[in-house]
N, C-alpha and C. Protein backbone atom coordinates (compact mmCIF):
# COMPACT_ATOMS: atom_id res chain seq x y z
N MET A 1 0.81 -1.19 0.00
CA MET A 1 0.00 0.00 0.00
C MET A 1 0.86 1.26 0.00
N ARG A 2 1.93 1.25 0.81
CA ARG A 2 2.82 2.41 0.88
C ARG A 2 3.49 2.69 -0.46
N SER A 3 3.86 1.61 -1.15
CA SER A 3 4.52 1.80 -2.45
C SER A 3 3.57 2.43 -3.46
N ILE A 4 2.29 2.12 -3.40
CA ILE A 4 1.31 2.73 -4.30
C ILE A 4 1.19 4.22 -4.02
N ILE A 5 1.16 4.59 -2.75
CA ILE A 5 1.07 6.01 -2.38
C ILE A 5 2.32 6.75 -2.83
N ARG A 6 3.50 6.16 -2.61
CA ARG A 6 4.76 6.80 -3.05
C ARG A 6 4.77 6.96 -4.56
N SER A 7 4.31 5.93 -5.27
CA SER A 7 4.27 5.99 -6.73
C SER A 7 3.37 7.11 -7.21
N ARG A 8 2.22 7.27 -6.59
CA ARG A 8 1.29 8.35 -6.97
C ARG A 8 1.88 9.71 -6.65
N ARG A 9 2.59 9.83 -5.54
CA ARG A 9 3.24 11.10 -5.19
C ARG A 9 4.29 11.46 -6.23
N ARG A 10 5.13 10.47 -6.58
CA ARG A 10 6.17 10.72 -7.59
C ARG A 10 5.55 11.13 -8.92
N ARG A 11 4.50 10.42 -9.31
CA ARG A 11 3.84 10.73 -10.57
C ARG A 11 3.26 12.14 -10.53
N GLY A 12 2.67 12.52 -9.40
CA GLY A 12 2.14 13.87 -9.24
C GLY A 12 3.23 14.92 -9.31
N THR A 13 4.37 14.63 -8.69
CA THR A 13 5.51 15.55 -8.72
C THR A 13 6.04 15.71 -10.14
N VAL A 14 6.14 14.60 -10.85
CA VAL A 14 6.63 14.64 -12.23
C VAL A 14 5.67 15.43 -13.10
N LEU A 15 4.37 15.20 -12.94
CA LEU A 15 3.38 15.94 -13.73
C LEU A 15 3.44 17.43 -13.42
N TRP A 16 3.61 17.78 -12.15
CA TRP A 16 3.72 19.19 -11.76
C TRP A 16 4.96 19.82 -12.39
N ALA A 17 6.08 19.11 -12.38
CA ALA A 17 7.31 19.63 -12.98
C ALA A 17 7.14 19.82 -14.48
N LEU A 18 6.49 18.87 -15.15
CA LEU A 18 6.24 19.00 -16.59
C LEU A 18 5.35 20.19 -16.89
N ALA A 19 4.33 20.42 -16.06
CA ALA A 19 3.45 21.56 -16.26
C ALA A 19 4.22 22.87 -16.13
N LEU A 20 5.12 22.96 -15.15
CA LEU A 20 5.93 24.16 -14.99
C LEU A 20 6.85 24.38 -16.18
N LEU A 21 7.43 23.29 -16.69
CA LEU A 21 8.30 23.40 -17.86
C LEU A 21 7.51 23.92 -19.06
N CYS A 22 6.31 23.42 -19.25
CA CYS A 22 5.49 23.87 -20.38
C CYS A 22 5.13 25.33 -20.24
N LEU A 23 4.82 25.77 -19.05
CA LEU A 23 4.49 27.18 -18.83
C LEU A 23 5.69 28.06 -19.11
N ASN A 24 6.87 27.63 -18.65
CA ASN A 24 8.08 28.43 -18.87
C ASN A 24 8.47 28.48 -20.34
N SER A 25 8.30 27.36 -21.05
CA SER A 25 8.72 27.33 -22.45
C SER A 25 7.75 28.08 -23.36
N SER A 26 6.49 28.24 -22.93
CA SER A 26 5.54 28.95 -23.77
C SER A 26 5.64 30.46 -23.58
N ALA A 27 6.30 30.90 -22.53
CA ALA A 27 6.46 32.33 -22.31
C ALA A 27 7.43 32.88 -23.33
N PRO A 28 7.15 34.05 -23.91
CA PRO A 28 8.06 34.60 -24.90
C PRO A 28 9.40 34.94 -24.27
N ALA A 29 10.45 34.52 -24.93
CA ALA A 29 11.79 34.79 -24.44
C ALA A 29 12.52 35.65 -25.45
N SER A 30 13.17 36.66 -24.97
CA SER A 30 13.93 37.50 -25.89
C SER A 30 15.28 36.85 -26.15
N ALA A 31 15.70 36.91 -27.37
CA ALA A 31 16.95 36.29 -27.75
C ALA A 31 18.11 37.25 -27.49
N GLY A 32 19.23 36.70 -27.10
CA GLY A 32 20.43 37.49 -26.87
C GLY A 32 21.44 37.23 -27.96
N VAL A 33 22.35 38.15 -28.14
CA VAL A 33 23.39 38.01 -29.15
C VAL A 33 24.51 37.15 -28.59
N PHE A 34 24.95 36.22 -29.39
CA PHE A 34 26.03 35.31 -29.01
C PHE A 34 27.20 35.52 -29.95
N GLN A 35 28.40 35.66 -29.40
CA GLN A 35 29.60 35.78 -30.23
C GLN A 35 30.74 35.08 -29.52
N GLN A 36 31.49 34.31 -30.28
CA GLN A 36 32.61 33.57 -29.73
C GLN A 36 33.70 33.47 -30.79
N CYS A 37 34.93 33.59 -30.37
CA CYS A 37 36.06 33.48 -31.29
C CYS A 37 36.99 32.36 -30.84
N GLY A 38 37.63 31.76 -31.80
CA GLY A 38 38.58 30.70 -31.50
C GLY A 38 38.87 29.90 -32.75
N LYS A 39 39.36 28.71 -32.54
CA LYS A 39 39.72 27.85 -33.66
C LYS A 39 38.56 26.95 -34.04
N ALA A 40 38.48 26.69 -35.33
CA ALA A 40 37.49 25.75 -35.87
C ALA A 40 38.23 24.68 -36.65
N SER A 41 37.66 23.50 -36.65
CA SER A 41 38.19 22.42 -37.48
C SER A 41 37.01 21.77 -38.18
N TRP A 42 37.30 20.91 -39.14
CA TRP A 42 36.22 20.18 -39.80
C TRP A 42 36.41 18.70 -39.52
N TYR A 43 35.31 17.98 -39.58
CA TYR A 43 35.39 16.56 -39.27
C TYR A 43 34.50 15.75 -40.19
N LYS A 44 34.92 14.52 -40.42
CA LYS A 44 34.14 13.59 -41.23
C LYS A 44 33.09 12.97 -40.33
N LEU A 45 31.87 12.99 -40.79
CA LEU A 45 30.77 12.45 -39.99
C LEU A 45 30.43 11.04 -40.42
N GLY A 46 30.00 10.28 -39.48
CA GLY A 46 29.52 8.94 -39.76
C GLY A 46 28.52 8.55 -38.71
N GLY A 47 27.50 7.83 -39.09
CA GLY A 47 26.53 7.37 -38.11
C GLY A 47 25.51 8.42 -37.73
N VAL A 48 25.35 8.61 -36.42
CA VAL A 48 24.32 9.50 -35.90
C VAL A 48 24.97 10.59 -35.06
N THR A 49 24.45 11.82 -35.16
CA THR A 49 24.97 12.94 -34.36
C THR A 49 24.40 12.88 -32.95
N ALA A 50 24.89 13.74 -32.09
CA ALA A 50 24.41 13.79 -30.70
C ALA A 50 22.94 14.19 -30.62
N SER A 51 22.44 14.90 -31.63
CA SER A 51 21.03 15.29 -31.63
C SER A 51 20.12 14.16 -32.07
N GLY A 52 20.71 13.06 -32.56
CA GLY A 52 19.93 11.91 -32.97
C GLY A 52 19.65 11.83 -34.46
N GLU A 53 20.06 12.85 -35.21
CA GLU A 53 19.82 12.81 -36.64
C GLU A 53 20.99 12.15 -37.36
N ARG A 54 20.72 11.64 -38.53
CA ARG A 54 21.74 10.97 -39.33
C ARG A 54 22.79 12.00 -39.78
N ALA A 55 24.06 11.63 -39.66
CA ALA A 55 25.15 12.52 -40.04
C ALA A 55 25.19 12.71 -41.55
N ASP A 56 25.42 13.95 -41.98
CA ASP A 56 25.48 14.29 -43.39
C ASP A 56 26.68 15.19 -43.65
N PRO A 57 27.80 14.63 -44.18
CA PRO A 57 28.99 15.45 -44.41
C PRO A 57 28.78 16.54 -45.45
N SER A 58 27.74 16.42 -46.28
CA SER A 58 27.49 17.46 -47.29
C SER A 58 26.55 18.54 -46.77
N GLY A 59 26.07 18.39 -45.56
CA GLY A 59 25.17 19.38 -44.96
C GLY A 59 25.96 20.49 -44.29
N LEU A 60 25.31 21.62 -44.12
CA LEU A 60 25.95 22.75 -43.44
C LEU A 60 25.56 22.72 -41.96
N THR A 61 26.22 21.82 -41.23
CA THR A 61 25.95 21.64 -39.82
C THR A 61 27.26 21.72 -39.04
N ALA A 62 27.14 21.75 -37.70
CA ALA A 62 28.34 21.90 -36.88
C ALA A 62 28.12 21.31 -35.50
N ALA A 63 29.24 21.14 -34.79
CA ALA A 63 29.22 20.67 -33.41
C ALA A 63 29.68 21.82 -32.51
N HIS A 64 28.94 22.06 -31.43
CA HIS A 64 29.29 23.07 -30.44
C HIS A 64 29.05 22.48 -29.07
N ARG A 65 29.84 22.89 -28.09
CA ARG A 65 29.73 22.30 -26.75
C ARG A 65 28.43 22.63 -26.04
N THR A 66 27.94 23.88 -26.16
CA THR A 66 26.83 24.30 -25.31
C THR A 66 25.60 24.84 -26.03
N LEU A 67 25.72 25.28 -27.26
CA LEU A 67 24.56 25.85 -27.95
C LEU A 67 23.48 24.80 -28.15
N PRO A 68 22.22 25.18 -28.03
CA PRO A 68 21.13 24.22 -28.22
C PRO A 68 21.09 23.68 -29.65
N PHE A 69 20.67 22.42 -29.79
CA PHE A 69 20.52 21.84 -31.11
C PHE A 69 19.51 22.66 -31.90
N GLY A 70 19.81 22.86 -33.17
CA GLY A 70 18.93 23.63 -34.04
C GLY A 70 19.30 25.10 -34.14
N THR A 71 20.20 25.57 -33.29
CA THR A 71 20.62 26.97 -33.34
C THR A 71 21.37 27.23 -34.63
N LEU A 72 21.01 28.31 -35.32
CA LEU A 72 21.73 28.73 -36.52
C LEU A 72 22.78 29.74 -36.12
N VAL A 73 24.02 29.52 -36.55
CA VAL A 73 25.10 30.45 -36.26
C VAL A 73 25.84 30.80 -37.55
N LYS A 74 26.34 32.01 -37.58
CA LYS A 74 27.14 32.46 -38.71
C LYS A 74 28.60 32.29 -38.33
N VAL A 75 29.34 31.54 -39.15
CA VAL A 75 30.75 31.29 -38.89
C VAL A 75 31.56 32.08 -39.92
N THR A 76 32.46 32.92 -39.45
CA THR A 76 33.30 33.74 -40.32
C THR A 76 34.75 33.29 -40.18
N ASN A 77 35.38 32.95 -41.30
CA ASN A 77 36.80 32.61 -41.31
C ASN A 77 37.56 33.92 -41.22
N LEU A 78 38.27 34.15 -40.13
CA LEU A 78 38.97 35.41 -39.92
C LEU A 78 40.20 35.58 -40.81
N ALA A 79 40.67 34.48 -41.41
CA ALA A 79 41.83 34.56 -42.30
C ALA A 79 41.46 35.09 -43.68
N ASN A 80 40.24 34.78 -44.16
CA ASN A 80 39.88 35.19 -45.53
C ASN A 80 38.54 35.91 -45.63
N GLY A 81 37.81 36.03 -44.53
CA GLY A 81 36.54 36.75 -44.53
C GLY A 81 35.34 35.97 -45.06
N LYS A 82 35.53 34.72 -45.44
CA LYS A 82 34.41 33.93 -45.95
C LYS A 82 33.46 33.56 -44.81
N VAL A 83 32.16 33.53 -45.15
CA VAL A 83 31.12 33.32 -44.13
C VAL A 83 30.19 32.19 -44.57
N VAL A 84 29.72 31.40 -43.60
CA VAL A 84 28.73 30.36 -43.84
C VAL A 84 27.82 30.27 -42.62
N THR A 85 26.55 29.97 -42.86
CA THR A 85 25.61 29.75 -41.77
C THR A 85 25.43 28.26 -41.59
N VAL A 86 25.61 27.78 -40.36
CA VAL A 86 25.47 26.36 -40.06
C VAL A 86 24.46 26.17 -38.94
N ARG A 87 23.93 24.96 -38.87
CA ARG A 87 22.98 24.59 -37.82
C ARG A 87 23.67 23.64 -36.86
N ILE A 88 23.55 23.91 -35.55
CA ILE A 88 24.16 23.06 -34.54
C ILE A 88 23.34 21.77 -34.40
N ASN A 89 23.99 20.62 -34.62
CA ASN A 89 23.30 19.35 -34.48
C ASN A 89 24.15 18.28 -33.78
N ASP A 90 25.31 18.70 -33.25
CA ASP A 90 26.22 17.74 -32.64
C ASP A 90 26.95 18.41 -31.48
N ARG A 91 27.58 17.61 -30.65
CA ARG A 91 28.37 18.12 -29.53
C ARG A 91 29.85 17.97 -29.85
N GLY A 92 30.62 18.86 -29.32
CA GLY A 92 32.04 18.92 -29.55
C GLY A 92 32.41 20.37 -29.74
N PRO A 93 33.56 20.71 -30.12
CA PRO A 93 34.73 19.86 -30.35
C PRO A 93 35.35 19.42 -29.03
N TYR A 94 36.08 18.36 -29.10
CA TYR A 94 36.70 17.83 -27.90
C TYR A 94 38.19 18.11 -27.84
N SER A 95 38.72 18.84 -28.82
CA SER A 95 40.12 19.26 -28.79
C SER A 95 40.22 20.60 -28.09
N LYS A 96 41.19 20.73 -27.21
CA LYS A 96 41.37 21.96 -26.44
C LYS A 96 41.64 23.14 -27.38
N GLY A 97 41.01 24.26 -27.09
CA GLY A 97 41.25 25.48 -27.87
C GLY A 97 40.33 25.66 -29.06
N ARG A 98 39.51 24.67 -29.36
CA ARG A 98 38.59 24.80 -30.49
C ARG A 98 37.20 25.14 -29.98
N VAL A 99 36.50 26.00 -30.72
CA VAL A 99 35.16 26.42 -30.30
C VAL A 99 34.06 25.77 -31.12
N ILE A 100 34.37 25.30 -32.32
CA ILE A 100 33.35 24.70 -33.18
C ILE A 100 34.00 23.73 -34.15
N ASP A 101 33.29 22.66 -34.47
CA ASP A 101 33.67 21.73 -35.53
C ASP A 101 32.59 21.83 -36.59
N VAL A 102 32.99 22.00 -37.83
CA VAL A 102 32.02 22.11 -38.93
C VAL A 102 32.17 20.91 -39.86
N THR A 103 31.15 20.67 -40.68
CA THR A 103 31.21 19.58 -41.65
C THR A 103 32.19 19.94 -42.77
N ARG A 104 32.53 18.94 -43.57
CA ARG A 104 33.44 19.17 -44.69
C ARG A 104 32.87 20.20 -45.66
N ALA A 105 31.56 20.16 -45.91
CA ALA A 105 30.92 21.10 -46.82
C ALA A 105 31.05 22.54 -46.31
N ALA A 106 30.87 22.73 -45.01
CA ALA A 106 31.00 24.07 -44.43
C ALA A 106 32.46 24.53 -44.49
N ALA A 107 33.39 23.62 -44.22
CA ALA A 107 34.81 23.97 -44.29
C ALA A 107 35.21 24.36 -45.71
N LYS A 108 34.62 23.69 -46.70
CA LYS A 108 34.89 24.02 -48.10
C LYS A 108 34.43 25.43 -48.40
N GLU A 109 33.22 25.80 -47.94
CA GLU A 109 32.72 27.16 -48.17
C GLU A 109 33.55 28.20 -47.42
N LEU A 110 34.09 27.81 -46.27
CA LEU A 110 34.92 28.73 -45.50
C LEU A 110 36.36 28.78 -46.02
N GLY A 111 36.72 27.82 -46.87
CA GLY A 111 38.04 27.82 -47.50
C GLY A 111 39.18 27.34 -46.63
N PHE A 112 38.94 26.33 -45.79
CA PHE A 112 40.07 25.84 -44.99
C PHE A 112 40.18 24.31 -44.95
N ILE A 113 39.73 23.65 -46.01
CA ILE A 113 39.82 22.18 -46.03
C ILE A 113 41.28 21.72 -45.98
N ARG A 114 42.11 22.28 -46.79
CA ARG A 114 43.51 21.84 -46.84
C ARG A 114 44.25 22.17 -45.55
N LYS A 115 43.92 23.31 -44.97
CA LYS A 115 44.58 23.75 -43.74
C LYS A 115 44.12 22.92 -42.53
N GLY A 116 42.83 22.57 -42.50
CA GLY A 116 42.31 21.74 -41.42
C GLY A 116 41.78 22.49 -40.21
N VAL A 117 42.46 23.57 -39.83
CA VAL A 117 42.07 24.37 -38.68
C VAL A 117 42.24 25.84 -39.04
N THR A 118 41.32 26.69 -38.57
CA THR A 118 41.43 28.12 -38.83
C THR A 118 40.79 28.90 -37.68
N ARG A 119 41.12 30.18 -37.56
CA ARG A 119 40.48 31.04 -36.57
C ARG A 119 39.17 31.56 -37.13
N VAL A 120 38.12 31.49 -36.30
CA VAL A 120 36.80 31.90 -36.73
C VAL A 120 36.11 32.75 -35.68
N GLN A 121 35.06 33.43 -36.15
CA GLN A 121 34.12 34.09 -35.27
C GLN A 121 32.80 33.36 -35.45
N VAL A 122 32.18 32.95 -34.35
CA VAL A 122 30.88 32.29 -34.37
C VAL A 122 29.89 33.28 -33.78
N ALA A 123 28.84 33.61 -34.53
CA ALA A 123 27.88 34.60 -34.06
C ALA A 123 26.46 34.14 -34.35
N GLY A 124 25.56 34.50 -33.47
CA GLY A 124 24.16 34.14 -33.65
C GLY A 124 23.35 34.67 -32.50
N THR A 125 22.17 34.10 -32.32
CA THR A 125 21.32 34.48 -31.20
C THR A 125 21.01 33.25 -30.39
N THR A 126 20.84 33.43 -29.11
CA THR A 126 20.54 32.33 -28.22
C THR A 126 19.64 32.83 -27.10
N LEU A 127 18.97 31.92 -26.42
CA LEU A 127 18.10 32.30 -25.32
C LEU A 127 18.94 32.82 -24.15
N PRO A 128 18.44 33.81 -23.42
CA PRO A 128 19.22 34.38 -22.33
C PRO A 128 19.46 33.43 -21.17
N SER A 129 18.70 32.35 -21.06
CA SER A 129 18.89 31.42 -19.96
C SER A 129 20.17 30.61 -20.12
N ARG A 130 20.67 30.53 -21.33
CA ARG A 130 21.92 29.80 -21.56
C ARG A 130 23.09 30.73 -21.29
N LYS A 131 24.14 30.21 -20.64
CA LYS A 131 25.30 31.05 -20.37
C LYS A 131 26.40 30.69 -21.36
N HIS A 132 26.82 31.69 -22.09
CA HIS A 132 27.90 31.52 -23.06
C HIS A 132 28.90 32.64 -22.84
N HIS A 133 30.12 32.34 -23.03
CA HIS A 133 31.14 33.36 -22.86
C HIS A 133 31.48 33.95 -24.20
N GLY A 134 31.01 35.15 -24.44
CA GLY A 134 31.30 35.84 -25.68
C GLY A 134 32.57 36.65 -25.54
N GLN A 135 33.18 36.94 -26.64
CA GLN A 135 34.37 37.76 -26.63
C GLN A 135 34.49 38.47 -27.97
N ASN A 136 35.24 39.54 -27.97
CA ASN A 136 35.44 40.29 -29.21
C ASN A 136 36.52 39.62 -30.04
N CYS A 137 36.29 39.55 -31.33
CA CYS A 137 37.27 38.96 -32.26
C CYS A 137 38.16 40.04 -32.82
N GLN A 138 39.39 39.69 -33.02
CA GLN A 138 40.31 40.64 -33.65
C GLN A 138 41.19 39.94 -34.63
């Protein structure tokens, strides 16, 4: 009998938490500007990304440590000024000093396939509840 009561309490708590989440997510949130500078690399994709979608090396997607999946960011190659917009669908990069990993197709548009790594500026908008460390690029 006690286990049934505990189970109902837990279920009630879970439902209450879900209701609060729905209320918070339906409230309009103002977007904040996000900017980050550092090194970018490109990677060959295979299998499934961290977001659960099938990896596509010809797609304009990228991996970022903290940005929400689906976020669109503008990546600027600081060496040549080329720009591409990518969608975050994976987690990474896992190499120290890198801020974003892009697909081969994005690296081709940015002009750094042969080089492998380049300095970039990553800019976009994100919800204010997420904490990101922005910095000025030079």
